[in-house]
Amino acid sequence: MNVPLLDLKAQYAPLREEIRSAMDRVCDSQHFILGPEVQALEEETAKFCGARFAVGVSSGTDALLAALMAAGVGAGDEVITTSYSFFATAGTVARLGARPVFVDIEPDTFNIDVRQVERRITARTKAILPVHLYGRCADLDALADVAKRRNLGLIEDAAQAIGAVDAKARQAGTVGLMGCFSFFPTKNLGAFGDGGLITTNDAGLAESLKILRVHGSKPKYFHKIVGGNFRLDALQAAILRVKLKHLPAWTAGRRANAGRYRSLFAEAGIGTGLALPGDVPGHIYNQFVIRSPKRDKMQAFLTEKGIGTEIYYPVPLHLQECFAPLGYRRGDLPVSEEMAATTLALPIYPELTAAQQREVVDAIAAFHRT
């Protein structure tokens, strides 16, 4: 039995008519950029996340870029962030002429190690940029405390975490100055292409973000600041509005699948050399990531069996070639480097069946018997 890493067709099939109707609505209106569909999505998403405001943008990357711009990050500033994340987390910092300052992660959460953040703060530090990786919230209380005491902006990279909840029942993206979300098709809430969104509880920041996304103009053709083309398409907004209504059920499905994996691995008796992700109530499992010192061989074995997997992320950011001028060396962030060498994402999408999950676990058990 082939088991894909992600099956977007299975998600689309029951929603096809509703999505096509939403797309037809936009086509009939001939209003394709921003407009009422985007405004409605912003209002509905803000309500879902428990934020006062939401601003739709063109991608998760542009959400990060616009948020950093709105926070005043620029040339010569430093932003403390994690080395174990998708490239956009640090790439957007560098694009503004600022310096990403990498710290290590916690091995049990894959999230930024807050204990290391404060010791990296300097006179140039402008913001802290944690990532809620794989859909599990970072330690927001501790991060907010550091940010408040040191007068720094806290910007949450929640690209993989829409609907994730921390220990105090706060949604990802609502504790810091801004929260940045991605609607890339593989996300828990995915568009039919690129899309993103920024949440904030600050009316001034919300207004700044709306100006920044249209090249910094207000009114049209009058520019007090330089922004960018960060506009969200109305077609994507309409599709996302359909999907948003199903997100709680999809999250429940992902959590149920994570629980089933744990039961199946326990039944299979696989213990030594295999670590499963930790679980907390608010974890939404954008990915289900296991760890094995034989990761590469295991991935090759699973590929032969028709089972889809992915490595997130094979090279930590501090060791990426483009960041070599920052002076980091192998061994500087040992936990991030270990995770890059040992982690493997398994299928976890809500439409995944029990039989498919058993196929995955049986294949991993067979690998351990070889």
Protein backbone atom coordinates (compact mmCIF):
# COMPACT_ATOMS: atom_id res chain seq x y z
CA MET A 1 0.00 0.00 0.00
CA ASN A 2 1.38 3.41 -1.00
CA VAL A 3 1.03 6.07 1.68
CA PRO A 4 1.75 9.62 0.49
CA LEU A 5 3.25 12.17 2.83
CA LEU A 6 0.27 14.42 2.09
CA ASP A 7 -2.92 13.80 0.11
CA LEU A 8 -4.47 17.13 -0.84
CA LYS A 9 -6.86 15.42 -3.26
CA ALA A 10 -8.50 13.61 -0.34
CA GLN A 11 -9.09 16.95 1.36
CA TYR A 12 -10.38 18.64 -1.77
CA ALA A 13 -12.86 16.00 -2.93
CA PRO A 14 -15.62 16.59 -0.32
CA LEU A 15 -15.18 20.38 -0.57
CA ARG A 16 -15.01 20.57 -4.34
CA GLU A 17 -18.45 22.06 -5.02
CA GLU A 18 -18.25 24.57 -2.17
CA ILE A 19 -14.77 25.71 -3.24
CA ARG A 20 -15.75 25.96 -6.90
CA SER A 21 -18.77 28.02 -5.90
CA ALA A 22 -16.55 30.39 -3.90
CA MET A 23 -14.18 30.71 -6.85
CA ASP A 24 -17.09 31.41 -9.20
CA ARG A 25 -18.23 34.14 -6.83
CA VAL A 26 -14.87 35.87 -7.20
CA CYS A 27 -14.79 35.35 -10.95
CA ASP A 28 -18.25 36.84 -11.31
CA SER A 29 -17.20 39.85 -9.25
CA GLN A 30 -13.97 40.31 -11.24
CA HIS A 31 -12.39 41.67 -8.02
CA PHE A 32 -9.18 39.70 -7.72
CA ILE A 33 -6.86 41.69 -5.43
CA LEU A 34 -7.76 42.42 -1.78
CA GLY A 35 -11.41 43.56 -1.58
CA PRO A 36 -14.40 42.09 0.28
CA GLU A 37 -13.26 38.46 0.19
CA VAL A 38 -9.94 39.34 1.81
CA GLN A 39 -11.64 41.57 4.37
CA ALA A 40 -14.08 38.79 5.27
CA LEU A 41 -11.22 36.29 5.64
CA GLU A 42 -9.36 38.74 7.88
CA GLU A 43 -12.37 39.16 10.14
CA GLU A 44 -13.10 35.44 10.30
CA THR A 45 -9.48 34.49 10.94
CA ALA A 46 -9.03 37.15 13.62
CA LYS A 47 -12.07 35.74 15.40
CA PHE A 48 -10.79 32.19 15.03
CA CYS A 49 -7.37 33.09 16.44
CA GLY A 50 -8.68 35.34 19.19
CA ALA A 51 -6.86 38.41 17.85
CA ARG A 52 -8.25 41.93 17.41
CA PHE A 53 -6.94 42.30 13.88
CA ALA A 54 -5.74 40.17 10.98
CA VAL A 55 -4.10 41.41 7.79
CA GLY A 56 -3.97 39.16 4.73
CA VAL A 57 -0.74 39.12 2.74
CA SER A 58 0.78 37.32 -0.22
CA SER A 59 2.69 34.54 1.60
CA GLY A 60 4.01 33.40 4.94
CA THR A 61 7.39 34.80 3.96
CA ASP A 62 5.88 38.19 3.24
CA ALA A 63 3.99 38.00 6.54
CA LEU A 64 7.35 37.76 8.32
CA LEU A 65 8.89 40.46 6.17
CA ALA A 66 6.02 42.92 6.64
CA ALA A 67 5.85 42.24 10.39
CA LEU A 68 9.57 42.90 10.80
CA MET A 69 9.21 46.09 8.77
CA ALA A 70 6.26 47.23 10.87
CA ALA A 71 8.33 46.57 14.01
CA GLY A 72 11.04 48.87 12.68
CA VAL A 73 13.69 46.22 12.03
CA GLY A 74 16.31 47.50 9.63
CA ALA A 75 19.97 47.73 8.73
CA GLY A 76 22.32 47.09 11.63
CA ASP A 77 19.67 45.61 13.92
CA GLU A 78 19.79 42.11 15.36
CA VAL A 79 16.91 39.65 15.62
CA ILE A 80 17.24 36.61 17.87
CA THR A 81 15.71 33.50 16.36
CA THR A 82 16.06 29.74 16.03
CA SER A 83 18.41 27.96 13.66
CA TYR A 84 16.03 25.02 13.19
CA SER A 85 13.29 26.34 10.93
CA PHE A 86 12.34 27.01 7.34
CA PHE A 87 14.68 29.48 5.65
CA ALA A 88 12.17 32.35 5.56
CA THR A 89 12.47 32.83 9.33
CA ALA A 90 16.02 34.14 8.99
CA GLY A 91 15.97 35.10 5.32
CA THR A 92 13.48 37.89 5.92
CA VAL A 93 15.70 39.30 8.67
CA ALA A 94 18.69 39.34 6.34
CA ARG A 95 16.68 40.93 3.51
CA LEU A 96 16.14 43.99 5.72
CA GLY A 97 19.87 44.37 6.32
CA ALA A 98 19.53 43.08 9.87
CA ARG A 99 21.52 40.25 11.43
CA PRO A 100 19.85 36.98 12.45
CA VAL A 101 21.28 35.84 15.79
CA PHE A 102 20.77 32.10 16.08
CA VAL A 103 20.17 30.22 19.30
CA ASP A 104 19.63 26.50 19.84
CA ILE A 105 16.40 24.60 20.39
CA GLU A 106 14.94 22.36 23.06
CA PRO A 107 15.29 18.68 22.05
CA ASP A 108 11.83 17.72 23.30
CA THR A 109 9.86 20.54 21.63
CA PHE A 110 12.02 21.50 18.60
CA ASN A 111 11.35 25.12 19.66
CA ILE A 112 13.72 27.92 20.63
CA ASP A 113 15.52 27.42 23.95
CA VAL A 114 14.39 30.46 25.90
CA ARG A 115 17.24 30.07 28.40
CA GLN A 116 19.68 30.93 25.64
CA VAL A 117 17.81 33.98 24.34
CA GLU A 118 18.62 36.53 27.00
CA ARG A 119 22.35 35.89 26.95
CA ARG A 120 22.44 36.77 23.22
CA ILE A 121 20.77 40.17 23.63
CA THR A 122 22.98 43.14 22.78
CA ALA A 123 22.50 46.87 22.30
CA ARG A 124 21.64 46.10 18.65
CA THR A 125 18.87 43.60 19.40
CA LYS A 126 15.53 44.80 18.05
CA ALA A 127 13.27 41.77 18.25
CA ILE A 128 12.86 38.11 19.22
CA LEU A 129 11.44 35.83 16.53
CA PRO A 130 10.45 32.40 17.90
CA VAL A 131 8.93 29.68 15.72
CA HIS A 132 6.05 27.45 16.80
CA LEU A 133 7.58 24.56 14.91
CA TYR A 134 5.48 21.66 13.63
CA GLY A 135 2.40 23.20 15.28
CA ARG A 136 3.55 23.25 18.90
CA CYS A 137 3.70 26.57 20.73
CA ALA A 138 7.04 27.82 21.99
CA ASP A 139 7.28 28.99 25.62
CA LEU A 140 5.36 32.21 25.13
CA ASP A 141 5.29 33.22 28.79
CA ALA A 142 9.06 33.12 29.13
CA LEU A 143 9.62 34.79 25.76
CA ALA A 144 7.13 37.57 26.51
CA ASP A 145 8.80 38.15 29.87
CA VAL A 146 12.23 38.57 28.28
CA ALA A 147 10.83 40.82 25.55
CA LYS A 148 9.05 43.05 28.06
CA ARG A 149 12.00 43.36 30.44
CA ARG A 150 14.42 44.15 27.62
CA ASN A 151 12.04 46.36 25.62
CA LEU A 152 12.13 44.14 22.53
CA GLY A 153 9.51 43.27 19.95
CA LEU A 154 8.19 39.70 20.08
CA ILE A 155 7.10 38.48 16.66
CA GLU A 156 5.72 34.94 16.46
CA ASP A 157 6.48 32.80 13.42
CA ALA A 158 3.28 30.78 13.49
CA ALA A 159 3.50 29.64 9.86
CA GLN A 160 2.92 26.02 10.93
CA ALA A 161 0.70 26.74 13.91
CA ILE A 162 -2.73 28.16 13.07
CA GLY A 163 -5.00 26.96 15.86
CA ALA A 164 -2.16 25.84 18.14
CA VAL A 165 -2.77 26.67 21.80
CA ASP A 166 -0.30 27.18 24.64
CA ALA A 167 -0.59 26.03 28.26
CA LYS A 168 -2.71 29.09 29.10
CA ALA A 169 -5.16 28.43 26.23
CA ARG A 170 -3.81 31.32 24.16
CA GLN A 171 -3.66 30.83 20.41
CA ALA A 172 -0.37 31.06 18.59
CA GLY A 173 0.10 34.50 17.09
CA THR A 174 -1.76 36.45 19.80
CA VAL A 175 0.82 36.94 22.56
CA GLY A 176 3.57 38.91 20.80
CA LEU A 177 3.33 42.15 18.84
CA MET A 178 2.36 40.17 15.76
CA GLY A 179 1.85 36.59 14.63
CA CYS A 180 2.79 35.46 11.13
CA PHE A 181 0.93 32.67 9.34
CA SER A 182 1.40 30.80 6.08
CA PHE A 183 -1.32 29.39 3.85
CA PHE A 184 1.08 27.37 1.67
CA PRO A 185 -0.88 24.36 0.36
CA THR A 186 0.80 21.88 2.73
CA LYS A 187 -0.17 23.82 5.87
CA ASN A 188 -3.05 22.75 8.10
CA LEU A 189 -5.02 25.58 6.48
CA GLY A 190 -3.71 25.70 2.93
CA ALA A 191 -4.60 27.85 -0.06
CA PHE A 192 -4.39 26.90 -3.73
CA GLY A 193 -1.01 28.60 -3.93
CA ASP A 194 0.79 31.11 -1.75
CA GLY A 195 -0.92 33.20 0.90
CA GLY A 196 -0.27 34.50 4.38
CA LEU A 197 -1.69 36.51 7.25
CA ILE A 198 -0.53 38.61 10.19
CA THR A 199 -2.43 38.88 13.48
CA THR A 200 -2.03 41.66 16.01
CA ASN A 201 -3.88 43.24 18.91
CA ASP A 202 -2.44 46.68 18.11
CA ALA A 203 -4.60 48.93 15.92
CA GLY A 204 -1.61 51.02 14.89
CA LEU A 205 0.36 48.00 13.74
CA ALA A 206 -2.64 46.67 11.83
CA GLU A 207 -2.92 49.96 9.97
CA SER A 208 0.83 50.00 9.27
CA LEU A 209 0.66 46.48 7.85
CA LYS A 210 -2.19 47.42 5.53
CA ILE A 211 -0.14 50.33 4.24
CA LEU A 212 3.04 48.28 3.90
CA ARG A 213 1.30 45.60 1.79
CA VAL A 214 0.41 48.16 -0.91
CA HIS A 215 3.89 49.61 -1.44
CA GLY A 216 3.53 51.91 1.55
CA SER A 217 0.83 54.02 -0.07
CA LYS A 218 -2.01 55.88 1.64
CA PRO A 219 -3.91 57.24 -0.16
CA LYS A 220 -3.20 55.47 -3.43
CA TYR A 221 -0.11 56.79 -5.24
CA PHE A 222 1.05 58.77 -2.18
CA HIS A 223 3.94 57.13 -0.31
CA LYS A 224 5.30 58.25 3.05
CA ILE A 225 7.13 54.93 3.47
CA VAL A 226 8.48 52.18 1.23
CA GLY A 227 6.50 48.97 1.49
CA GLY A 228 6.08 46.06 -0.88
CA ASN A 229 3.59 44.16 -3.00
CA PHE A 230 2.29 41.96 -0.20
CA ARG A 231 -1.36 41.78 -1.29
CA LEU A 232 -3.48 38.65 -0.86
CA ASP A 233 -5.49 37.47 -3.87
CA ALA A 234 -9.27 37.38 -3.50
CA LEU A 235 -9.41 33.88 -5.00
CA GLN A 236 -7.13 32.56 -2.27
CA ALA A 237 -9.17 34.34 0.39
CA ALA A 238 -12.40 32.82 -0.88
CA ILE A 239 -10.91 29.32 -0.85
CA LEU A 240 -9.49 29.81 2.62
CA ARG A 241 -12.85 30.99 3.93
CA VAL A 242 -14.35 27.67 2.87
CA LYS A 243 -11.54 25.69 4.44
CA LEU A 244 -11.40 27.67 7.70
CA LYS A 245 -14.77 26.24 8.74
CA HIS A 246 -13.29 22.74 8.60
CA LEU A 247 -10.03 23.51 10.39
CA PRO A 248 -11.15 22.45 13.91
CA ALA A 249 -12.22 19.04 12.59
CA TRP A 250 -8.97 18.67 10.66
CA THR A 251 -6.98 19.56 13.77
CA ALA A 252 -8.89 16.93 15.74
CA GLY A 253 -8.08 14.43 12.99
CA ARG A 254 -4.37 15.21 13.13
CA ARG A 255 -4.34 14.86 16.91
CA ALA A 256 -6.21 11.56 16.67
CA ASN A 257 -3.69 10.29 14.13
CA ALA A 258 -0.81 11.31 16.39
CA GLY A 259 -2.39 9.34 19.22
CA ARG A 260 -2.88 6.33 16.95
CA TYR A 261 0.77 6.46 15.92
CA ARG A 262 1.81 6.31 19.56
CA SER A 263 -0.42 3.30 20.17
CA LEU A 264 0.78 1.52 17.04
CA PHE A 265 4.45 2.13 17.84
CA ALA A 266 3.88 0.83 21.37
CA GLU A 267 2.20 -2.30 19.98
CA ALA A 268 5.09 -2.82 17.58
CA GLY A 269 7.55 -2.67 20.45
CA ILE A 270 9.86 -0.19 18.75
CA GLY A 271 11.73 1.63 21.46
CA THR A 272 15.49 1.70 21.18
CA GLY A 273 16.77 4.16 18.64
CA LEU A 274 13.41 5.75 17.82
CA ALA A 275 11.97 8.86 19.50
CA LEU A 276 8.43 10.12 18.97
CA PRO A 277 7.46 13.79 19.28
CA GLY A 278 6.27 14.98 22.65
CA ASP A 279 2.58 15.73 23.04
CA VAL A 280 0.78 18.63 24.73
CA PRO A 281 -2.95 19.43 24.47
CA GLY A 282 -2.56 22.40 22.11
CA HIS A 283 -0.23 20.70 19.61
CA ILE A 284 -1.85 20.72 16.13
CA TYR A 285 0.71 18.49 14.32
CA ASN A 286 1.53 20.28 11.13
CA GLN A 287 4.12 17.52 11.04
CA PHE A 288 4.61 14.29 13.01
CA VAL A 289 8.39 14.13 13.35
CA ILE A 290 10.27 11.13 14.69
CA ARG A 291 13.99 10.85 15.40
CA SER A 292 16.39 8.03 14.57
CA PRO A 293 20.18 7.81 14.31
CA LYS A 294 19.53 5.67 11.20
CA ARG A 295 17.27 8.30 9.65
CA ASP A 296 18.69 8.29 6.12
CA LYS A 297 18.66 4.51 5.77
CA MET A 298 15.17 4.35 7.24
CA GLN A 299 13.91 6.98 4.80
CA ALA A 300 15.35 5.06 1.87
CA PHE A 301 13.69 1.86 3.14
CA LEU A 302 10.32 3.59 3.51
CA THR A 303 10.60 5.11 0.04
CA GLU A 304 11.08 1.62 -1.41
CA LYS A 305 7.88 0.59 0.38
CA GLY A 306 5.93 3.46 -1.16
CA ILE A 307 5.70 5.50 2.03
CA GLY A 308 6.17 9.25 1.75
CA THR A 309 8.43 11.06 4.23
CA GLU A 310 10.29 14.36 4.39
CA ILE A 311 13.30 15.77 6.20
CA TYR A 312 12.58 19.10 7.92
CA TYR A 313 15.31 20.47 7.88
CA PRO A 314 18.54 18.83 6.62
CA VAL A 315 20.78 21.87 7.17
CA PRO A 316 20.23 24.18 10.15
CA LEU A 317 20.16 27.85 9.29
CA HIS A 318 23.43 28.76 11.03
CA LEU A 319 25.25 26.35 8.70
CA GLN A 320 23.64 27.52 5.46
CA GLU A 321 26.23 28.77 2.98
CA CYS A 322 24.61 32.19 2.61
CA PHE A 323 25.04 32.81 6.34
CA ALA A 324 28.71 31.83 6.45
CA PRO A 325 29.75 35.50 6.93
CA LEU A 326 27.97 35.45 10.29
CA GLY A 327 30.78 33.25 11.57
CA TYR A 328 28.90 30.22 12.92
CA ARG A 329 30.66 26.86 12.89
CA ARG A 330 29.56 23.26 13.15
CA GLY A 331 29.13 22.43 16.82
CA ASP A 332 27.91 25.90 17.81
CA LEU A 333 24.26 24.78 18.09
CA PRO A 334 24.49 21.05 18.79
CA VAL A 335 20.79 20.30 19.32
CA SER A 336 19.76 21.92 16.04
CA GLU A 337 22.53 20.03 14.27
CA GLU A 338 21.46 16.73 15.82
CA MET A 339 17.82 17.27 14.83
CA ALA A 340 18.85 18.10 11.27
CA ALA A 341 20.66 14.76 11.10
CA THR A 342 18.06 12.54 12.79
CA THR A 343 14.50 13.80 12.22
CA LEU A 344 11.97 12.44 9.74
CA ALA A 345 8.37 13.54 9.14
CA LEU A 346 5.72 10.86 8.67
CA PRO A 347 2.27 11.26 7.07
CA ILE A 348 -0.16 12.90 9.55
CA TYR A 349 -2.86 14.58 7.43
CA PRO A 350 -6.42 14.23 8.81
CA GLU A 351 -7.65 12.00 5.96
CA LEU A 352 -4.97 9.40 6.75
CA THR A 353 -6.63 6.07 7.53
CA ALA A 354 -5.86 3.66 10.33
CA ALA A 355 -4.81 1.09 7.75
CA GLN A 356 -2.36 3.53 6.20
CA GLN A 357 -0.88 4.36 9.58
CA ARG A 358 -0.45 0.69 10.38
CA GLU A 359 1.33 0.30 7.04
CA VAL A 360 3.76 3.06 8.04
CA VAL A 361 4.46 1.60 11.47
CA ASP A 362 4.78 -1.94 10.14
CA ALA A 363 7.34 -0.74 7.60
CA ILE A 364 9.38 1.03 10.30
CA ALA A 365 9.21 -2.09 12.46
CA ALA A 366 10.41 -4.17 9.49
CA PHE A 367 13.31 -1.73 9.00
CA HIS A 368 14.34 -2.20 12.63
CA ARG A 369 14.39 -5.96 12.13
CA THR A 370 16.83 -5.73 9.22
